Protein backbone atom coordinates (compact mmCIF):
# COMPACT_ATOMS: atom_id res chain seq x y z
CA MET A 1 -54.78 -30.56 -72.10
CA GLY A 2 -53.69 -34.13 -71.35
CA SER A 3 -56.22 -36.86 -70.76
CA GLY A 4 -54.37 -38.31 -67.75
CA LEU A 5 -54.01 -41.69 -69.50
CA GLY A 6 -50.67 -43.44 -70.03
CA GLN A 7 -48.60 -42.77 -73.15
CA ASP A 8 -49.32 -46.24 -74.48
CA CYS A 9 -53.09 -45.78 -74.13
CA PRO A 10 -54.68 -45.58 -77.62
CA SER A 11 -56.27 -42.25 -78.43
CA PHE A 12 -59.56 -43.78 -79.51
CA LEU A 13 -60.47 -44.68 -75.95
CA ASN A 14 -63.32 -42.50 -74.74
CA ARG A 15 -66.16 -42.52 -72.28
CA GLY A 16 -68.63 -45.24 -73.10
CA GLY A 17 -66.09 -47.42 -74.96
CA ASN A 18 -65.25 -51.04 -74.22
CA SER A 19 -65.43 -51.87 -70.53
CA TYR A 20 -62.31 -52.90 -68.68
CA GLY A 21 -61.97 -56.64 -68.44
CA ASN A 22 -62.97 -57.86 -71.87
CA GLY A 23 -60.43 -58.95 -74.45
CA THR A 24 -60.74 -55.86 -76.67
CA PHE A 25 -59.81 -53.39 -73.89
CA PRO A 26 -56.05 -52.67 -74.07
CA ALA A 27 -54.45 -52.08 -70.68
CA CYS A 28 -52.14 -49.12 -70.11
CA SER A 29 -49.08 -49.07 -67.85
CA ASP A 30 -50.47 -46.26 -65.68
CA CYS A 31 -53.68 -48.17 -64.87
CA PRO A 32 -53.65 -49.49 -61.28
CA PHE A 33 -55.77 -52.48 -62.29
CA VAL A 34 -52.74 -53.91 -64.07
CA PHE A 35 -51.34 -54.59 -60.57
CA CYS A 36 -54.43 -55.17 -58.44
CA SER A 37 -58.14 -55.91 -58.18
CA LEU A 38 -60.83 -54.56 -55.87
CA GLU A 39 -63.14 -56.25 -53.41
CA ARG A 40 -65.77 -54.99 -51.07
CA ASP A 41 -67.19 -56.83 -48.06
CA ALA A 42 -69.72 -54.93 -46.00
CA VAL A 43 -71.99 -55.85 -43.13
CA GLY A 44 -75.28 -54.65 -44.52
CA PHE A 45 -77.24 -55.48 -41.41
CA VAL A 46 -77.70 -57.80 -38.46
CA LEU A 47 -80.95 -59.71 -38.66
CA VAL A 48 -82.16 -61.19 -35.36
CA ASP A 49 -84.38 -64.13 -36.24
CA LEU A 50 -83.88 -67.60 -34.74
CA VAL A 51 -86.17 -69.33 -37.29
CA PHE A 52 -84.29 -67.96 -40.29
CA ARG A 53 -80.94 -68.62 -38.60
CA ASN A 54 -81.74 -72.33 -38.08
CA ALA A 55 -83.24 -72.70 -41.56
CA LEU A 56 -80.12 -71.19 -43.13
CA PHE A 57 -77.87 -73.54 -41.17
CA ASP A 58 -79.91 -76.62 -42.19
CA ARG A 59 -80.02 -75.56 -45.86
CA ALA A 60 -76.23 -75.03 -45.93
CA GLY A 61 -75.70 -78.63 -44.81
CA SER A 62 -78.16 -80.13 -47.28
CA GLU A 63 -76.94 -78.04 -50.25
CA GLY A 64 -73.24 -78.55 -49.54
CA TRP A 65 -72.42 -74.86 -49.16
CA ASP A 66 -69.06 -73.78 -47.78
CA VAL A 67 -69.49 -73.95 -43.99
CA LYS A 68 -66.83 -73.26 -41.35
CA VAL A 69 -67.46 -73.77 -37.64
CA ARG A 70 -65.13 -72.03 -35.18
CA GLY A 71 -66.21 -72.61 -31.64
CA ARG A 72 -69.66 -71.11 -31.31
CA ASN A 73 -69.38 -69.15 -34.58
CA VAL A 74 -70.65 -70.51 -37.90
CA TYR A 75 -69.64 -68.98 -41.25
CA ILE A 76 -71.48 -69.81 -44.50
CA ARG A 77 -70.31 -68.71 -47.96
CA VAL A 78 -72.21 -68.63 -51.24
CA ASP A 79 -71.52 -66.62 -54.39
CA HIS A 80 -71.01 -62.92 -53.51
CA LEU A 81 -72.60 -63.45 -50.11
CA SER A 82 -71.44 -64.63 -46.68
CA PHE A 83 -73.29 -65.23 -43.43
CA HIS A 84 -72.11 -65.22 -39.84
CA LEU A 85 -74.54 -67.13 -37.63
CA GLY A 86 -74.86 -66.20 -33.99
CA TYR A 87 -77.12 -67.76 -31.37
CA ASP A 88 -80.27 -66.24 -32.82
CA SER A 89 -78.93 -63.80 -35.43
CA VAL A 90 -77.57 -63.67 -38.98
CA VAL A 91 -74.98 -61.14 -40.09
CA PHE A 92 -74.97 -60.48 -43.84
CA TYR A 93 -71.69 -59.80 -45.68
CA SER A 94 -71.95 -58.83 -49.33
CA ASP A 95 -69.64 -57.44 -52.01
CA GLU A 96 -72.65 -55.44 -53.26
CA PRO A 97 -73.81 -53.96 -49.95
CA PHE A 98 -76.05 -51.27 -51.43
CA ASN A 99 -77.79 -53.61 -53.84
CA LEU A 100 -79.94 -55.56 -51.41
CA GLU A 101 -82.68 -56.47 -53.87
CA TRP A 102 -80.70 -59.39 -55.30
CA ILE A 103 -80.25 -60.74 -51.76
CA CYS A 104 -84.03 -60.65 -51.34
CA GLU A 105 -84.44 -62.56 -54.61
CA TRP A 106 -81.88 -65.14 -53.47
CA VAL A 107 -83.61 -65.67 -50.11
CA LYS A 108 -87.02 -65.90 -51.82
CA ALA A 109 -85.75 -68.52 -54.30
CA GLU A 110 -84.11 -70.63 -51.59
CA PHE A 111 -86.79 -70.51 -48.86
CA ALA A 112 -90.09 -69.88 -50.65
CA GLY A 113 -91.23 -73.45 -50.09
CA GLU A 114 -90.13 -73.54 -46.45
CA PHE A 115 -91.80 -70.44 -44.96
CA ASP A 116 -95.40 -69.34 -45.16
CA ALA A 117 -96.17 -66.25 -47.25
CA GLY A 118 -96.62 -63.89 -44.28
CA PHE A 119 -93.32 -64.78 -42.60
CA LEU A 120 -91.42 -64.69 -45.92
CA GLU A 121 -92.76 -61.23 -46.77
CA SER A 122 -91.75 -59.93 -43.33
CA LEU A 123 -88.28 -61.44 -43.74
CA LEU A 124 -87.79 -59.87 -47.18
CA LEU A 125 -88.92 -56.48 -45.88
CA ARG A 126 -86.31 -56.54 -43.12
CA ILE A 127 -83.62 -57.50 -45.64
CA ARG A 128 -84.69 -54.84 -48.12
CA HIS A 129 -84.68 -52.08 -45.46
CA PRO A 130 -81.93 -52.85 -42.92
CA GLN A 131 -81.68 -50.76 -39.79
CA ARG A 132 -78.09 -49.55 -40.32
CA LEU A 133 -74.74 -50.33 -41.90
CA SER A 134 -72.42 -51.41 -39.12
CA ARG A 135 -69.27 -52.18 -41.12
CA ASP A 136 -67.92 -51.41 -44.58
CA GLU A 137 -64.67 -52.97 -45.74
CA LEU A 138 -62.92 -51.91 -48.95
CA THR A 139 -60.07 -54.14 -50.11
CA VAL A 140 -57.32 -53.64 -52.68
CA VAL A 141 -55.78 -57.00 -53.64
CA ILE A 142 -52.19 -56.50 -54.86
CA GLU A 143 -51.49 -59.23 -57.43
CA ASP A 144 -48.06 -58.02 -58.60
CA SER A 145 -45.33 -59.61 -56.44
CA VAL A 146 -42.76 -56.84 -57.09
CA LEU A 147 -45.23 -54.14 -56.05
CA ALA A 148 -46.25 -56.18 -52.98
CA ASP A 149 -42.61 -56.58 -51.90
CA ALA A 150 -42.03 -52.82 -52.32
CA MET A 151 -45.03 -52.00 -50.09
CA VAL A 152 -43.93 -54.48 -47.42
CA SER A 153 -40.31 -53.30 -47.50
CA VAL A 154 -41.17 -49.85 -46.10
CA THR A 155 -43.58 -51.16 -43.45
CA GLU A 156 -42.13 -54.51 -42.30
CA LEU A 157 -41.00 -53.11 -38.93
CA TYR A 158 -44.63 -52.37 -38.02
CA PHE A 159 -46.08 -55.83 -38.69
CA ARG A 160 -47.41 -57.75 -35.70
CA PRO A 161 -46.07 -61.23 -34.90
CA ASP A 162 -49.13 -62.74 -36.61
CA GLY A 163 -48.06 -61.15 -39.93
CA VAL A 164 -50.67 -58.38 -39.97
CA LEU A 165 -50.01 -54.65 -40.26
CA TYR A 166 -52.85 -52.90 -38.44
CA PHE A 167 -53.40 -49.22 -37.65
CA GLU A 168 -56.39 -48.27 -35.51
CA PRO A 169 -58.64 -45.38 -36.61
CA PRO A 170 -56.97 -42.16 -35.39
CA ASN A 171 -60.35 -40.40 -35.28
CA GLY A 172 -64.03 -40.91 -36.04
CA THR A 173 -63.74 -40.12 -39.75
CA THR A 174 -60.68 -42.20 -40.75
CA PRO A 175 -61.14 -45.96 -41.22
CA ALA A 176 -58.81 -48.57 -39.74
CA PHE A 177 -56.05 -49.87 -42.00
CA ARG A 178 -55.03 -53.52 -42.34
CA MET A 179 -52.46 -55.18 -44.62
CA TYR A 180 -51.37 -58.81 -44.75
CA ARG A 181 -50.26 -61.51 -47.17
CA ARG A 182 -52.50 -64.34 -48.25
CA GLY A 183 -50.53 -66.76 -50.37
CA GLU A 184 -48.89 -64.78 -53.17
CA LEU A 185 -51.35 -61.89 -52.80
CA LEU A 186 -51.11 -58.82 -50.59
CA ARG A 187 -54.44 -57.61 -49.21
CA VAL A 188 -54.85 -53.95 -48.25
CA GLU A 189 -58.08 -53.23 -46.35
CA PHE A 190 -59.81 -50.05 -45.24
CA ASP A 191 -62.16 -51.04 -42.40
CA ALA A 192 -64.94 -48.49 -41.74
CA ARG A 193 -67.26 -48.78 -38.75
CA ASN A 194 -69.55 -45.79 -39.36
CA SER A 195 -70.91 -43.79 -42.29
CA SER A 196 -68.24 -41.07 -42.02
CA GLN A 197 -65.41 -43.61 -42.13
CA SER A 198 -67.15 -45.38 -45.00
CA VAL A 199 -67.09 -42.20 -47.13
CA SER A 200 -63.46 -41.51 -46.22
CA ALA A 201 -62.50 -45.08 -47.14
CA PHE A 202 -63.56 -44.52 -50.76
CA PHE A 203 -61.43 -41.39 -51.08
CA MET A 204 -58.43 -43.05 -49.40
CA ARG A 205 -58.72 -46.11 -51.63
CA ASN A 206 -58.84 -43.91 -54.75
CA GLU A 207 -55.75 -42.03 -53.53
CA LEU A 208 -53.91 -45.32 -53.02
CA LEU A 209 -54.92 -46.60 -56.48
CA ALA A 210 -53.65 -43.41 -58.12
CA MET A 211 -50.18 -43.81 -56.61
CA LEU A 212 -49.75 -47.59 -57.04
CA PRO A 213 -48.04 -47.41 -60.48
CA GLY A 214 -45.26 -45.28 -58.98
CA VAL A 215 -44.75 -47.30 -55.79
CA LYS A 216 -42.64 -49.94 -57.55
CA ASP A 217 -39.86 -47.47 -58.22
CA SER A 218 -40.52 -45.24 -55.17
CA PRO A 219 -41.80 -47.32 -52.22
CA GLY A 220 -41.60 -44.21 -50.03
CA LEU A 221 -44.78 -42.97 -51.71
CA PHE A 222 -46.73 -45.67 -49.91
CA PHE A 223 -45.15 -44.88 -46.53
CA SER A 224 -45.89 -41.19 -47.11
CA PHE A 225 -49.53 -42.11 -47.75
CA LEU A 226 -49.73 -44.01 -44.45
CA SER A 227 -47.97 -41.20 -42.59
CA ARG A 228 -50.57 -38.66 -43.61
CA TYR A 229 -53.36 -40.64 -41.99
CA TYR A 230 -51.89 -42.92 -39.31
CA ASP A 231 -48.44 -41.55 -38.32
CA PRO A 232 -46.68 -44.96 -38.17
CA GLY A 233 -43.46 -43.24 -37.11
CA ALA A 234 -45.00 -42.57 -33.68
CA ARG A 235 -45.67 -46.26 -33.07
CA THR A 236 -43.57 -48.78 -31.17
CA ILE A 237 -41.28 -50.92 -33.30
CA VAL A 238 -40.59 -54.47 -32.11
CA ILE A 239 -37.45 -55.98 -33.64
CA ASP A 240 -37.09 -59.73 -33.36
CA ASN A 241 -33.50 -60.27 -34.48
CA SER A 242 -30.85 -62.34 -32.74
CA GLY A 243 -28.10 -60.12 -34.18
CA VAL A 244 -29.32 -56.92 -32.56
CA ALA A 245 -27.16 -57.36 -29.44
CA GLU A 246 -24.06 -57.89 -31.56
CA ILE A 247 -24.84 -54.79 -33.61
CA LEU A 248 -25.23 -52.72 -30.45
CA ARG A 249 -21.90 -53.99 -29.14
CA ASP A 250 -20.21 -52.97 -32.40
CA VAL A 251 -21.78 -49.52 -32.16
CA MET A 252 -20.63 -49.09 -28.56
CA ARG A 253 -17.09 -50.15 -29.47
CA ASP A 254 -17.04 -47.54 -32.24
CA VAL A 255 -18.31 -44.86 -29.84
CA VAL A 256 -15.63 -45.69 -27.23
CA ARG A 257 -12.94 -45.77 -29.90
CA GLU A 258 -14.00 -42.30 -31.10
CA MET A 259 -14.00 -40.94 -27.55
CA LEU A 260 -10.48 -42.26 -26.87
CA ALA A 261 -9.24 -41.04 -30.24
CA GLY A 262 -10.53 -37.57 -29.35
CA LYS A 263 -8.46 -37.63 -26.13
CA MET A 264 -5.29 -39.05 -27.62
CA GLY A 265 -5.38 -37.36 -30.98
CA ASP A 266 -4.88 -40.60 -32.97
CA PRO A 267 -6.56 -44.02 -32.91
CA PHE A 268 -4.63 -46.64 -30.94
CA VAL A 269 -4.91 -50.14 -29.54
CA CYS A 270 -4.31 -50.64 -25.83
CA PRO A 271 -3.94 -54.12 -24.26
CA ASP A 272 -5.25 -53.00 -20.86
CA GLY A 273 -6.70 -49.93 -19.23
CA LYS A 274 -3.63 -48.78 -17.30
CA GLU A 275 -1.89 -47.07 -20.22
CA VAL A 276 -5.16 -45.42 -21.24
CA PHE A 277 -5.66 -43.65 -17.93
CA GLU A 278 -1.99 -42.70 -17.66
CA ALA A 279 -2.15 -41.23 -21.13
CA MET A 280 -5.34 -39.30 -20.29
CA ASP A 281 -3.70 -37.96 -17.08
CA ASN A 282 -0.74 -36.72 -19.04
CA SER A 283 -2.90 -35.13 -21.76
CA GLY A 284 -3.60 -31.95 -19.72
CA ASN A 285 -2.20 -28.68 -21.03
CA GLU A 286 0.70 -26.80 -19.42
CA ASP A 287 -1.38 -24.20 -17.58
CA GLY A 288 -3.43 -26.62 -15.56
CA GLY A 289 -6.16 -28.86 -17.31
CA GLU A 290 -7.62 -32.25 -16.64
CA GLY A 291 -4.30 -33.90 -15.64
CA LYS A 292 -3.70 -31.32 -12.90
CA GLU A 293 -7.26 -31.55 -11.62
CA ARG A 294 -6.97 -35.32 -11.32
CA LYS A 295 -3.75 -35.01 -9.30
CA GLU A 296 -5.44 -32.51 -6.96
CA ARG A 297 -8.30 -34.97 -6.32
CA GLU A 298 -5.81 -37.71 -5.50
CA GLU A 299 -4.01 -35.41 -3.01
CA LYS A 300 -7.33 -34.61 -1.25
CA LYS A 301 -8.10 -38.32 -0.93
CA LYS A 302 -4.73 -38.91 0.71
CA GLU A 303 -5.39 -36.09 3.20
CA VAL A 304 -8.80 -37.58 4.14
CA ARG A 305 -7.24 -40.99 4.73
CA ALA A 306 -4.55 -39.42 6.93
CA GLU A 307 -7.20 -37.64 9.06
CA GLU A 308 -9.14 -40.88 9.52
CA ALA A 309 -5.98 -42.67 10.66
CA GLY A 310 -5.25 -39.90 13.19
CA ALA A 311 -8.78 -40.03 14.56
CA LYS A 312 -8.50 -43.75 15.21
CA ALA A 313 -5.15 -43.21 16.95
CA ASN A 314 -6.84 -40.74 19.31
CA GLY A 315 -9.48 -43.26 20.35
CA THR A 316 -12.33 -42.02 18.16
CA ASP A 317 -12.56 -45.34 16.40
CA GLU A 318 -14.91 -46.64 19.12
CA ALA A 319 -17.41 -43.91 18.39
CA GLY A 320 -17.12 -44.69 14.70
CA ASP A 321 -17.69 -48.39 15.35
CA ALA A 322 -20.74 -47.59 17.47
CA LYS A 323 -22.11 -45.39 14.75
CA GLU A 324 -21.56 -48.05 12.13
CA ALA A 325 -23.21 -50.65 14.37
CA GLY A 326 -26.20 -48.37 14.86
CA GLU A 327 -26.53 -47.76 11.15
CA ALA A 328 -26.31 -51.48 10.45
CA GLU A 329 -29.03 -52.14 13.02
CA ASP A 330 -31.26 -49.49 11.43
CA GLU A 331 -30.72 -51.02 8.02
CA GLU A 332 -31.56 -54.47 9.39
CA ASP A 333 -34.78 -53.15 10.98
CA ALA A 334 -35.73 -51.39 7.76
CA GLY A 335 -35.11 -54.61 5.81
CA GLU A 336 -37.31 -56.57 8.21
CA ASP A 337 -40.09 -53.98 7.91
CA GLU A 338 -39.86 -54.14 4.14
CA LYS A 339 -40.04 -57.94 4.20
CA LYS A 340 -43.07 -57.79 6.50
CA ALA A 341 -44.81 -55.27 4.24
CA LYS A 342 -44.01 -57.36 1.17
CA GLY A 343 -45.22 -60.50 2.90
CA ALA A 344 -48.43 -58.77 3.95
CA GLY A 345 -49.01 -57.63 0.35
CA GLU A 346 -48.46 -61.14 -0.95
CA ASP A 347 -50.83 -62.53 1.67
CA GLU A 348 -53.52 -60.03 0.64
CA LYS A 349 -53.00 -60.91 -3.02
CA ALA A 350 -53.25 -64.63 -2.24
CA GLU A 351 -56.44 -64.10 -0.22
CA ALA A 352 -58.00 -62.04 -3.05
CA GLU A 353 -57.06 -64.71 -5.59
CA ALA A 354 -58.46 -67.48 -3.40
CA GLU A 355 -61.69 -65.52 -3.03
CA ALA A 356 -61.88 -65.07 -6.83
CA PHE A 357 -61.34 -68.80 -7.40
CA GLY A 358 -64.16 -69.39 -4.93
CA LYS A 359 -66.38 -67.22 -7.12
CA VAL A 360 -65.48 -69.42 -10.09
CA ASP A 361 -66.78 -72.43 -8.16
CA LEU A 362 -69.95 -70.48 -7.38
CA VAL A 363 -70.43 -69.77 -11.09
CA CYS A 364 -70.09 -73.49 -11.83
CA ARG A 365 -72.78 -74.35 -9.29
CA ARG A 366 -75.09 -71.72 -10.74
CA LEU A 367 -74.49 -72.98 -14.29
CA ASP A 368 -75.47 -76.50 -13.22
CA ASP A 369 -78.96 -75.14 -12.53
CA LEU A 370 -79.42 -74.14 -16.20
CA ASN A 371 -80.89 -76.57 -18.69
CA CYS A 372 -78.99 -75.11 -21.66
CA PHE A 373 -76.42 -72.45 -22.49
CA LEU A 374 -78.20 -69.08 -22.72
CA PRO A 375 -75.77 -66.16 -23.17
CA ASP A 376 -77.94 -63.62 -21.34
CA LYS A 377 -78.36 -65.98 -18.38
CA VAL A 378 -74.65 -66.83 -18.25
CA ALA A 379 -73.65 -63.16 -18.48
CA GLY A 380 -76.05 -62.41 -15.64
CA ILE A 381 -74.57 -65.17 -13.48
CA LEU A 382 -71.04 -63.87 -14.09
CA GLY A 383 -72.16 -60.38 -13.14
CA GLU A 384 -73.83 -61.52 -9.92
CA CYS A 385 -71.01 -63.78 -8.75
CA PHE A 386 -68.16 -61.35 -9.48
CA GLY A 387 -70.00 -58.14 -8.65
CA VAL A 388 -69.82 -56.67 -12.16
CA SER A 389 -72.42 -55.55 -14.70
CA VAL A 390 -74.15 -57.86 -17.16
CA ASP A 391 -72.37 -55.97 -19.96
CA ALA A 392 -69.04 -56.95 -18.40
CA GLY A 393 -70.25 -60.57 -18.43
CA TYR A 394 -71.05 -60.30 -22.14
CA PHE A 395 -67.62 -58.74 -22.74
CA PHE A 396 -65.87 -61.65 -20.98
CA LEU A 397 -67.81 -64.28 -22.95
CA ALA A 398 -67.01 -62.56 -26.27
CA ALA A 399 -63.33 -62.10 -25.39
CA TRP A 400 -63.00 -65.74 -24.40
CA SER A 401 -64.72 -66.90 -27.61
CA VAL A 402 -62.18 -64.92 -29.68
CA TRP A 403 -59.19 -66.33 -27.78
CA SER A 404 -60.59 -69.86 -27.71
CA GLY A 405 -61.27 -69.68 -31.45
CA ARG A 406 -57.54 -69.07 -31.97
CA ARG A 407 -56.64 -72.04 -29.79
CA PHE A 408 -55.43 -69.63 -27.11
CA LYS A 409 -52.75 -68.07 -29.32
CA GLY A 410 -52.19 -64.43 -30.24
CA ARG A 411 -53.57 -61.24 -28.76
CA VAL A 412 -57.22 -60.32 -28.27
CA THR A 413 -58.10 -56.71 -29.10
CA SER A 414 -61.06 -54.74 -27.82
CA GLU A 415 -62.08 -54.15 -31.43
CA GLU A 416 -62.48 -57.88 -32.05
CA VAL A 417 -64.50 -58.36 -28.86
CA LEU A 418 -66.85 -55.48 -29.65
CA GLY A 419 -67.22 -56.81 -33.20
CA VAL A 420 -68.38 -60.19 -31.89
CA LEU A 421 -70.87 -58.53 -29.56
CA GLU A 422 -72.15 -56.25 -32.31
CA GLY A 423 -72.72 -59.30 -34.47
CA GLN A 424 -74.95 -60.65 -31.70
CA GLY A 425 -76.84 -57.37 -31.45
CA VAL A 426 -75.22 -56.42 -28.11
CA SER A 427 -73.74 -52.96 -27.55
CA VAL A 428 -71.44 -52.33 -24.56
CA ASP A 429 -68.78 -49.85 -23.45
CA GLY A 430 -65.54 -51.79 -23.88
CA ARG A 431 -63.45 -49.56 -21.64
CA ASN A 432 -65.87 -49.72 -18.70
CA CYS A 433 -66.32 -53.46 -19.05
CA GLY A 434 -62.56 -54.00 -19.15
CA GLY A 435 -62.15 -51.90 -16.01
CA GLU A 436 -64.79 -53.91 -14.16
CA LEU A 437 -63.16 -57.22 -15.09
CA LEU A 438 -59.76 -55.91 -13.98
CA TRP A 439 -61.25 -54.94 -10.63
CA ALA A 440 -62.86 -58.37 -10.30
CA GLY A 441 -59.52 -60.10 -10.94
CA VAL A 442 -60.71 -61.84 -14.09
CA LEU A 443 -58.38 -59.79 -16.31
CA GLU A 444 -54.95 -58.42 -15.52
CA GLU A 445 -52.99 -55.49 -16.84
CA ARG A 446 -50.15 -56.15 -19.26
CA VAL A 447 -48.36 -53.67 -21.48
CA GLY A 448 -49.35 -54.01 -25.13
CA PHE A 449 -52.48 -56.11 -24.45
CA ASP A 450 -56.07 -54.83 -24.61
CA VAL A 451 -57.37 -58.05 -23.02
CA CYS A 452 -55.19 -60.30 -20.86
CA PHE A 453 -56.82 -63.09 -18.86
CA SER A 454 -55.62 -63.68 -15.31
CA PRO A 455 -55.27 -67.21 -13.87
CA VAL A 456 -58.76 -66.75 -12.41
CA GLY A 457 -60.10 -65.63 -15.78
CA ILE A 458 -58.53 -68.61 -17.55
CA ARG A 459 -60.11 -71.08 -15.13
CA LEU A 460 -63.45 -69.28 -15.42
CA GLY A 461 -63.31 -69.33 -19.22
CA LYS A 462 -62.51 -73.04 -19.35
CA LYS A 463 -65.33 -73.86 -16.91
CA VAL A 464 -67.87 -71.84 -18.91
CA GLU A 465 -66.69 -73.33 -22.20
CA GLY A 466 -66.86 -76.81 -20.72
CA PHE A 467 -70.47 -76.16 -19.68
CA TRP A 468 -71.31 -74.91 -23.18
CA ARG A 469 -69.76 -77.97 -24.84
CA GLY A 470 -71.69 -80.21 -22.47
């Protein structure tokens, strides 16, 4: 029985031998780690603690840690550990999500002299026993450029304009799939949002690793893998190519040429359309056919014209003129009614928009009464002024923060908005919140967009952001 190793793998390799990565471990051609490496970033927990959040932010500045500020979001990176700071919360990202003890040791070493013993022990207990795992992300980093090009070649039509290939979870047990380039590397991510998806992500990653050595020569293996889980063939393809119109014209010319060749028997070139139709008329067979039928239709048309001329000669043209005048008058009345209805609809839309802009002004006056930016208070004010729930207010604030963080470029997905809210410890129903904001006129419907701000929503977002920035 074969061992499953490559032919160039030495026979002395056995369980418990040299670990992969040191200089004495010979690599085999069938090993996927010749082409890639693995990463794992998981949200172990969300810790709501304003004191620890502020202390972590201050320590990052004094120690010179890697800090990135994007709008109201702060990201801090240290070795094997990342933090996302909210208003009063800290989200932990770790590449060893189920080994939380070392995180406790790191926090104890960094903050032992800053917190009293009781608070520090409580903090370590909450880190050691998190409430739940809210996200688990497994990443395969493709380091071989030929393999990366092969994987992209069979999926390039499905990439979004921002250069990311993303498939949403088709069900509650399959993780989301994301693929994009970062420099010379190709990152393939399985994004799980619950325990069932987290388990499935491990199996799917192992399946992908097993097939990677063969994808170079057979890129279709990778597309077949995606098809089993995400059915990319059923998704819309957007082609951005200036030559598409010319290609379509060439195809149509070929189709017309084939149709004419089928009528005439042989391909031909005709300078104008007259000879074509004469040839088609004469192509009927001897016992009747399309040429005869066409002649019969022409004869009937001549008879109808002759009857109309006779009717006018007998004085019936006045009745015909009256009828035509009546029909023209009816059409004119119908056109006026349609214009009135359209005008009334536009007036109603303008009134509704003016009312919504008035609500934006009301929000601004209410915000002036606050001493500082408190998300729960602001969400409540939005809900009261626009007649929506507080959850819808939270949803709007999170959606605007995502779009603002991108400098108002790209699309905002419901998944991103809910992820921001989850990081702040807020759970809402995205579909219901989106429906409320559509009703309130803050969002508008647009094909292909989960979240699309209306003119009212854009003004509201800028006013709220201006208040937050002071």
